[in-house]
Structure formats: structure tokens, C-alpha cells
Amino acid sequence: MLKRSMTLVEKALKLYETKLYHATLEPYLDGIKKSGLGNSPTKNYPDSKDDVVYLASDPEEAISYAEVAETPEEYKIIVFEIDVNDLDSSKLSADRNVIGGKTTFEYKGVIPFTALKEIR
């Protein structure tokens, strides 16, 4: 029997344990509480894909993306921690916007608010 090799995402998740992070801006918090993360047409970058939530393996990396979003600077940054066991792994893939990146991911779908732990 052939042994299946691990995908990039599986390797990264094994390396970075079971937590991923998403940073967003405070004005979006009410909508996230109501509809989940990724259920909004609002995009902070022109190259953001529809129906994709961008996740990072490190909270500081997630924050760095929120800091350079095309939004007013006075918005407070909120950081969510997500346990990968609460995600459908078939919807998780490497971030197509980062060439050669191994620490950012795309989640194609909505992450319910109940799966989010606000850490900042």
C-alpha cells in the first residue's frame, strides 16, 4: 500500500499545533457575532478572494495584515484564535496570495462565532 504524503497544510498544522489566528477590525465585530467570520462581502484588500477567510499560524502575523488593511487607522484590531479541530479541514488550503508562504492559510467557508476565541 502506498503511503499518502502530507499536504502543505497538514505539515503546517502539525508544525504550528492546532491554533490559527484571524485579525479583524472592531466595526466588523457585530456582523461576525451575528453571521460568523467570512459571511461578509467586505474585503480589505483588492486581491482578497470571495468566500475565503484568511488565517495565520501566529497572532502577530494576523495583526500585521490588519494593520495594513485599506481602512481608517483609528479602528481597533480584534484577534481571534481558532482551534483547527473546529474547522472542516477540506476547506483549508495554503494562502494563494503568498508565494512560497507556509504560515498563512485560506478557509473557504464561514467560521461560526462559537468557534472564535477573542484574544485581543
N, C-alpha and C. Protein backbone atom coordinates (compact mmCIF):
# COMPACT_ATOMS: atom_id res chain seq x y z
N MET A 1 0.83 -1.17 0.00
CA MET A 1 0.00 0.00 0.00
C MET A 1 0.89 1.25 0.00
N LEU A 2 0.53 2.23 -0.82
CA LEU A 2 1.29 3.48 -0.87
C LEU A 2 0.92 4.37 0.30
N LYS A 3 1.92 4.97 0.86
CA LYS A 3 1.68 5.91 1.95
C LYS A 3 1.42 7.29 1.36
N ARG A 4 0.32 7.89 1.74
CA ARG A 4 -0.03 9.22 1.24
C ARG A 4 0.88 10.25 1.89
N SER A 5 1.43 11.15 1.09
CA SER A 5 2.28 12.20 1.66
C SER A 5 1.40 13.31 2.22
N MET A 6 1.92 14.00 3.22
CA MET A 6 1.18 15.08 3.85
C MET A 6 1.15 16.30 2.93
N THR A 7 0.02 16.98 2.91
CA THR A 7 -0.10 18.21 2.15
C THR A 7 0.63 19.33 2.89
N LEU A 8 0.87 20.41 2.21
CA LEU A 8 1.49 21.58 2.82
C LEU A 8 0.69 22.03 4.04
N VAL A 9 -0.62 22.06 3.90
CA VAL A 9 -1.47 22.50 5.01
C VAL A 9 -1.34 21.55 6.19
N GLU A 10 -1.37 20.25 5.95
CA GLU A 10 -1.23 19.27 7.03
C GLU A 10 0.12 19.41 7.73
N LYS A 11 1.19 19.61 6.96
CA LYS A 11 2.51 19.80 7.55
C LYS A 11 2.55 21.05 8.41
N ALA A 12 1.98 22.13 7.89
CA ALA A 12 1.99 23.40 8.62
C ALA A 12 1.17 23.29 9.90
N LEU A 13 0.03 22.63 9.82
CA LEU A 13 -0.80 22.49 11.02
C LEU A 13 -0.12 21.61 12.06
N LYS A 14 0.58 20.61 11.62
CA LYS A 14 1.32 19.76 12.55
C LYS A 14 2.44 20.58 13.21
N LEU A 15 3.10 21.39 12.41
CA LEU A 15 4.19 22.22 12.90
C LEU A 15 3.69 23.29 13.87
N TYR A 16 2.58 23.90 13.54
CA TYR A 16 2.09 25.02 14.34
C TYR A 16 0.99 24.63 15.32
N GLU A 17 0.93 23.35 15.62
CA GLU A 17 -0.05 22.83 16.56
C GLU A 17 -1.46 23.01 16.02
N THR A 18 -2.39 23.36 16.87
CA THR A 18 -3.79 23.33 16.43
C THR A 18 -4.48 24.68 16.46
N LYS A 19 -3.76 25.75 16.55
CA LYS A 19 -4.38 27.07 16.61
C LYS A 19 -4.02 27.91 15.39
N LEU A 20 -5.01 28.59 14.85
CA LEU A 20 -4.79 29.57 13.79
C LEU A 20 -5.44 30.87 14.25
N TYR A 21 -5.08 31.97 13.59
CA TYR A 21 -5.49 33.28 14.05
C TYR A 21 -6.02 34.13 12.89
N HIS A 22 -6.98 34.97 13.23
CA HIS A 22 -7.51 35.93 12.26
C HIS A 22 -7.66 37.26 12.98
N ALA A 23 -7.16 38.31 12.36
CA ALA A 23 -7.32 39.66 12.92
C ALA A 23 -8.33 40.41 12.06
N THR A 24 -9.18 41.15 12.72
CA THR A 24 -10.19 41.94 12.03
C THR A 24 -10.30 43.29 12.73
N LEU A 25 -11.19 44.11 12.26
CA LEU A 25 -11.34 45.45 12.83
C LEU A 25 -12.65 45.54 13.61
N GLU A 26 -12.63 46.31 14.67
CA GLU A 26 -13.76 46.40 15.59
C GLU A 26 -15.11 46.68 14.92
N PRO A 27 -15.19 47.53 13.89
CA PRO A 27 -16.50 47.76 13.28
C PRO A 27 -17.14 46.50 12.68
N TYR A 28 -16.35 45.47 12.42
CA TYR A 28 -16.88 44.24 11.84
C TYR A 28 -17.36 43.24 12.89
N LEU A 29 -17.10 43.53 14.17
CA LEU A 29 -17.35 42.56 15.24
C LEU A 29 -18.83 42.18 15.36
N ASP A 30 -19.74 43.14 15.30
CA ASP A 30 -21.17 42.82 15.43
C ASP A 30 -21.63 41.88 14.33
N GLY A 31 -21.20 42.13 13.10
CA GLY A 31 -21.56 41.27 11.98
C GLY A 31 -21.00 39.86 12.14
N ILE A 32 -19.79 39.76 12.66
CA ILE A 32 -19.17 38.45 12.90
C ILE A 32 -19.94 37.69 13.97
N LYS A 33 -20.36 38.39 15.02
CA LYS A 33 -21.13 37.75 16.09
C LYS A 33 -22.45 37.21 15.54
N LYS A 34 -23.06 37.92 14.62
CA LYS A 34 -24.36 37.52 14.07
C LYS A 34 -24.24 36.43 13.01
N SER A 35 -23.27 36.57 12.11
CA SER A 35 -23.23 35.72 10.92
C SER A 35 -21.99 34.85 10.79
N GLY A 36 -21.03 35.00 11.68
CA GLY A 36 -19.80 34.23 11.59
C GLY A 36 -18.73 34.96 10.80
N LEU A 37 -17.53 34.44 10.84
CA LEU A 37 -16.38 35.03 10.15
C LEU A 37 -16.34 34.52 8.72
N GLY A 38 -16.39 35.44 7.77
CA GLY A 38 -16.35 35.06 6.36
C GLY A 38 -17.70 35.15 5.68
N ASN A 39 -18.65 35.72 6.36
CA ASN A 39 -20.00 35.82 5.80
C ASN A 39 -20.32 37.26 5.41
N SER A 40 -19.30 38.02 5.08
CA SER A 40 -19.47 39.43 4.73
C SER A 40 -18.83 39.70 3.37
N PRO A 41 -19.46 40.55 2.57
CA PRO A 41 -18.85 40.90 1.28
C PRO A 41 -17.70 41.89 1.41
N THR A 42 -17.47 42.41 2.62
CA THR A 42 -16.41 43.40 2.84
C THR A 42 -15.04 42.75 2.70
N LYS A 43 -14.19 43.35 1.88
CA LYS A 43 -12.81 42.89 1.70
C LYS A 43 -11.89 44.08 1.95
N ASN A 44 -10.81 43.84 2.67
CA ASN A 44 -9.86 44.91 2.98
C ASN A 44 -8.73 45.04 1.98
N TYR A 45 -8.64 44.09 1.07
CA TYR A 45 -7.60 44.10 0.05
C TYR A 45 -8.20 43.80 -1.30
N PRO A 46 -7.72 44.43 -2.37
CA PRO A 46 -8.26 44.15 -3.70
C PRO A 46 -8.04 42.71 -4.17
N ASP A 47 -6.99 42.05 -3.68
CA ASP A 47 -6.71 40.69 -4.13
C ASP A 47 -7.31 39.61 -3.22
N SER A 48 -8.14 40.01 -2.25
CA SER A 48 -8.81 39.02 -1.40
C SER A 48 -9.83 38.26 -2.23
N LYS A 49 -9.88 36.96 -2.02
CA LYS A 49 -10.81 36.10 -2.75
C LYS A 49 -12.18 36.11 -2.05
N ASP A 50 -13.23 35.96 -2.85
CA ASP A 50 -14.57 35.86 -2.28
C ASP A 50 -14.72 34.56 -1.50
N ASP A 51 -15.52 34.58 -0.47
CA ASP A 51 -15.83 33.40 0.33
C ASP A 51 -14.61 32.75 0.98
N VAL A 52 -13.58 33.53 1.24
CA VAL A 52 -12.36 33.00 1.86
C VAL A 52 -12.05 33.80 3.12
N VAL A 53 -11.73 33.08 4.19
CA VAL A 53 -11.24 33.70 5.42
C VAL A 53 -9.74 33.43 5.47
N TYR A 54 -8.96 34.48 5.67
CA TYR A 54 -7.51 34.33 5.73
C TYR A 54 -7.09 34.13 7.18
N LEU A 55 -6.26 33.11 7.39
CA LEU A 55 -5.81 32.73 8.72
C LEU A 55 -4.29 32.68 8.77
N ALA A 56 -3.73 32.91 9.93
CA ALA A 56 -2.27 32.86 10.10
C ALA A 56 -1.94 31.94 11.26
N SER A 57 -0.73 31.41 11.24
CA SER A 57 -0.30 30.50 12.30
C SER A 57 0.20 31.24 13.54
N ASP A 58 0.31 32.56 13.45
CA ASP A 58 0.82 33.37 14.54
C ASP A 58 -0.07 34.60 14.70
N PRO A 59 -0.47 34.95 15.92
CA PRO A 59 -1.33 36.12 16.09
C PRO A 59 -0.69 37.42 15.62
N GLU A 60 0.62 37.56 15.79
CA GLU A 60 1.29 38.79 15.35
C GLU A 60 1.26 38.92 13.83
N GLU A 61 1.37 37.81 13.14
CA GLU A 61 1.28 37.86 11.68
C GLU A 61 -0.13 38.27 11.26
N ALA A 62 -1.15 37.72 11.92
CA ALA A 62 -2.53 38.11 11.62
C ALA A 62 -2.71 39.61 11.85
N ILE A 63 -2.17 40.12 12.94
CA ILE A 63 -2.27 41.55 13.25
C ILE A 63 -1.60 42.38 12.16
N SER A 64 -0.46 41.90 11.67
CA SER A 64 0.26 42.68 10.64
C SER A 64 -0.59 42.88 9.39
N TYR A 65 -1.40 41.90 9.04
CA TYR A 65 -2.28 42.07 7.88
C TYR A 65 -3.38 43.08 8.17
N ALA A 66 -3.93 43.06 9.37
CA ALA A 66 -4.98 44.01 9.72
C ALA A 66 -4.43 45.44 9.79
N GLU A 67 -3.17 45.57 10.21
CA GLU A 67 -2.57 46.90 10.33
C GLU A 67 -2.42 47.60 8.98
N VAL A 68 -2.27 46.85 7.93
CA VAL A 68 -2.08 47.47 6.62
C VAL A 68 -3.33 47.40 5.74
N ALA A 69 -4.46 47.03 6.35
CA ALA A 69 -5.72 46.98 5.60
C ALA A 69 -6.10 48.38 5.15
N GLU A 70 -6.83 48.43 4.06
CA GLU A 70 -7.25 49.72 3.49
C GLU A 70 -8.47 50.24 4.23
N THR A 71 -8.26 50.62 5.50
CA THR A 71 -9.33 51.13 6.37
C THR A 71 -8.75 52.24 7.24
N PRO A 72 -9.63 53.00 7.91
CA PRO A 72 -9.11 54.06 8.80
C PRO A 72 -8.21 53.50 9.90
N GLU A 73 -7.15 54.22 10.18
CA GLU A 73 -6.15 53.77 11.15
C GLU A 73 -6.66 53.71 12.58
N GLU A 74 -7.71 54.48 12.89
CA GLU A 74 -8.16 54.53 14.29
C GLU A 74 -8.97 53.31 14.72
N TYR A 75 -9.29 52.41 13.80
CA TYR A 75 -10.04 51.22 14.16
C TYR A 75 -9.21 50.29 15.04
N LYS A 76 -9.84 49.79 16.10
CA LYS A 76 -9.19 48.83 17.00
C LYS A 76 -9.11 47.47 16.31
N ILE A 77 -7.98 46.78 16.48
CA ILE A 77 -7.79 45.45 15.89
C ILE A 77 -8.23 44.40 16.91
N ILE A 78 -9.05 43.48 16.44
CA ILE A 78 -9.52 42.34 17.23
C ILE A 78 -8.84 41.10 16.69
N VAL A 79 -8.34 40.22 17.57
CA VAL A 79 -7.69 38.98 17.13
C VAL A 79 -8.49 37.79 17.67
N PHE A 80 -8.78 36.87 16.76
CA PHE A 80 -9.46 35.63 17.13
C PHE A 80 -8.49 34.47 17.03
N GLU A 81 -8.59 33.57 17.98
CA GLU A 81 -7.87 32.30 17.95
C GLU A 81 -8.91 31.24 17.56
N ILE A 82 -8.52 30.36 16.64
CA ILE A 82 -9.41 29.32 16.15
C ILE A 82 -8.72 27.97 16.29
N ASP A 83 -9.38 27.05 16.95
CA ASP A 83 -8.86 25.69 17.06
C ASP A 83 -9.15 24.98 15.74
N VAL A 84 -8.12 24.44 15.10
CA VAL A 84 -8.32 23.81 13.79
C VAL A 84 -9.26 22.61 13.87
N ASN A 85 -9.43 22.04 15.05
CA ASN A 85 -10.36 20.93 15.20
C ASN A 85 -11.81 21.38 15.02
N ASP A 86 -12.05 22.69 15.10
CA ASP A 86 -13.38 23.24 14.88
C ASP A 86 -13.64 23.60 13.42
N LEU A 87 -12.64 23.36 12.56
CA LEU A 87 -12.75 23.68 11.14
C LEU A 87 -12.89 22.42 10.31
N ASP A 88 -13.51 22.57 9.15
CA ASP A 88 -13.58 21.48 8.17
C ASP A 88 -12.25 21.51 7.40
N SER A 89 -11.38 20.54 7.64
CA SER A 89 -10.04 20.56 7.05
C SER A 89 -10.08 20.52 5.52
N SER A 90 -11.15 20.04 4.93
CA SER A 90 -11.23 20.01 3.46
C SER A 90 -11.40 21.41 2.88
N LYS A 91 -11.74 22.38 3.71
CA LYS A 91 -11.92 23.76 3.26
C LYS A 91 -10.68 24.62 3.52
N LEU A 92 -9.64 24.03 4.07
CA LEU A 92 -8.43 24.75 4.44
C LEU A 92 -7.33 24.49 3.42
N SER A 93 -6.69 25.56 2.95
CA SER A 93 -5.60 25.41 1.98
C SER A 93 -4.57 26.51 2.20
N ALA A 94 -3.46 26.38 1.49
CA ALA A 94 -2.41 27.41 1.57
C ALA A 94 -2.94 28.71 0.98
N ASP A 95 -2.46 29.82 1.48
CA ASP A 95 -2.85 31.14 1.01
C ASP A 95 -2.25 31.37 -0.37
N ARG A 96 -3.11 31.51 -1.38
CA ARG A 96 -2.66 31.69 -2.76
C ARG A 96 -2.05 33.06 -3.02
N ASN A 97 -2.23 34.00 -2.10
CA ASN A 97 -1.67 35.34 -2.28
C ASN A 97 -0.23 35.44 -1.80
N VAL A 98 0.25 34.43 -1.11
CA VAL A 98 1.61 34.46 -0.56
C VAL A 98 2.44 33.38 -1.25
N ILE A 99 3.31 33.78 -2.12
CA ILE A 99 4.14 32.84 -2.87
C ILE A 99 5.16 32.20 -1.93
N GLY A 100 5.13 30.89 -1.87
CA GLY A 100 6.06 30.17 -1.01
C GLY A 100 5.76 30.26 0.47
N GLY A 101 4.64 30.89 0.81
CA GLY A 101 4.29 31.04 2.22
C GLY A 101 3.85 29.73 2.85
N LYS A 102 4.20 29.56 4.11
CA LYS A 102 3.83 28.35 4.82
C LYS A 102 3.12 28.66 6.12
N THR A 103 2.83 29.94 6.36
CA THR A 103 2.25 30.31 7.65
C THR A 103 0.90 31.02 7.53
N THR A 104 0.39 31.17 6.32
CA THR A 104 -0.93 31.76 6.14
C THR A 104 -1.78 30.81 5.30
N PHE A 105 -3.08 30.84 5.59
CA PHE A 105 -4.00 29.87 5.02
C PHE A 105 -5.29 30.54 4.57
N GLU A 106 -6.00 29.84 3.71
CA GLU A 106 -7.33 30.25 3.28
C GLU A 106 -8.32 29.21 3.79
N TYR A 107 -9.44 29.70 4.31
CA TYR A 107 -10.53 28.81 4.70
C TYR A 107 -11.73 29.17 3.85
N LYS A 108 -12.16 28.26 3.01
CA LYS A 108 -13.27 28.53 2.09
C LYS A 108 -14.57 28.17 2.78
N GLY A 109 -15.15 29.15 3.41
CA GLY A 109 -16.40 28.94 4.13
C GLY A 109 -16.53 29.93 5.27
N VAL A 110 -17.58 29.75 6.04
CA VAL A 110 -17.85 30.61 7.18
C VAL A 110 -17.43 29.89 8.45
N ILE A 111 -16.74 30.61 9.31
CA ILE A 111 -16.35 30.08 10.62
C ILE A 111 -17.34 30.66 11.63
N PRO A 112 -18.12 29.80 12.29
CA PRO A 112 -19.13 30.33 13.22
C PRO A 112 -18.48 31.06 14.40
N PHE A 113 -19.20 32.04 14.90
CA PHE A 113 -18.67 32.83 16.01
C PHE A 113 -18.36 31.95 17.22
N THR A 114 -19.10 30.87 17.39
CA THR A 114 -18.86 29.97 18.52
C THR A 114 -17.49 29.29 18.45
N ALA A 115 -16.86 29.28 17.27
CA ALA A 115 -15.53 28.67 17.11
C ALA A 115 -14.41 29.69 17.31
N LEU A 116 -14.77 30.93 17.58
CA LEU A 116 -13.77 32.00 17.71
C LEU A 116 -13.55 32.35 19.18
N LYS A 117 -12.29 32.49 19.55
CA LYS A 117 -11.93 32.94 20.89
C LYS A 117 -11.20 34.27 20.74
N GLU A 118 -11.81 35.33 21.25
CA GLU A 118 -11.18 36.65 21.14
C GLU A 118 -10.03 36.73 22.12
N ILE A 119 -8.82 36.99 21.59
CA ILE A 119 -7.64 37.06 22.45
C ILE A 119 -7.05 38.47 22.53
N ARG A 120 -7.60 39.39 21.74
CA ARG A 120 -7.15 40.79 21.79
C ARG A 120 -8.26 41.67 21.29
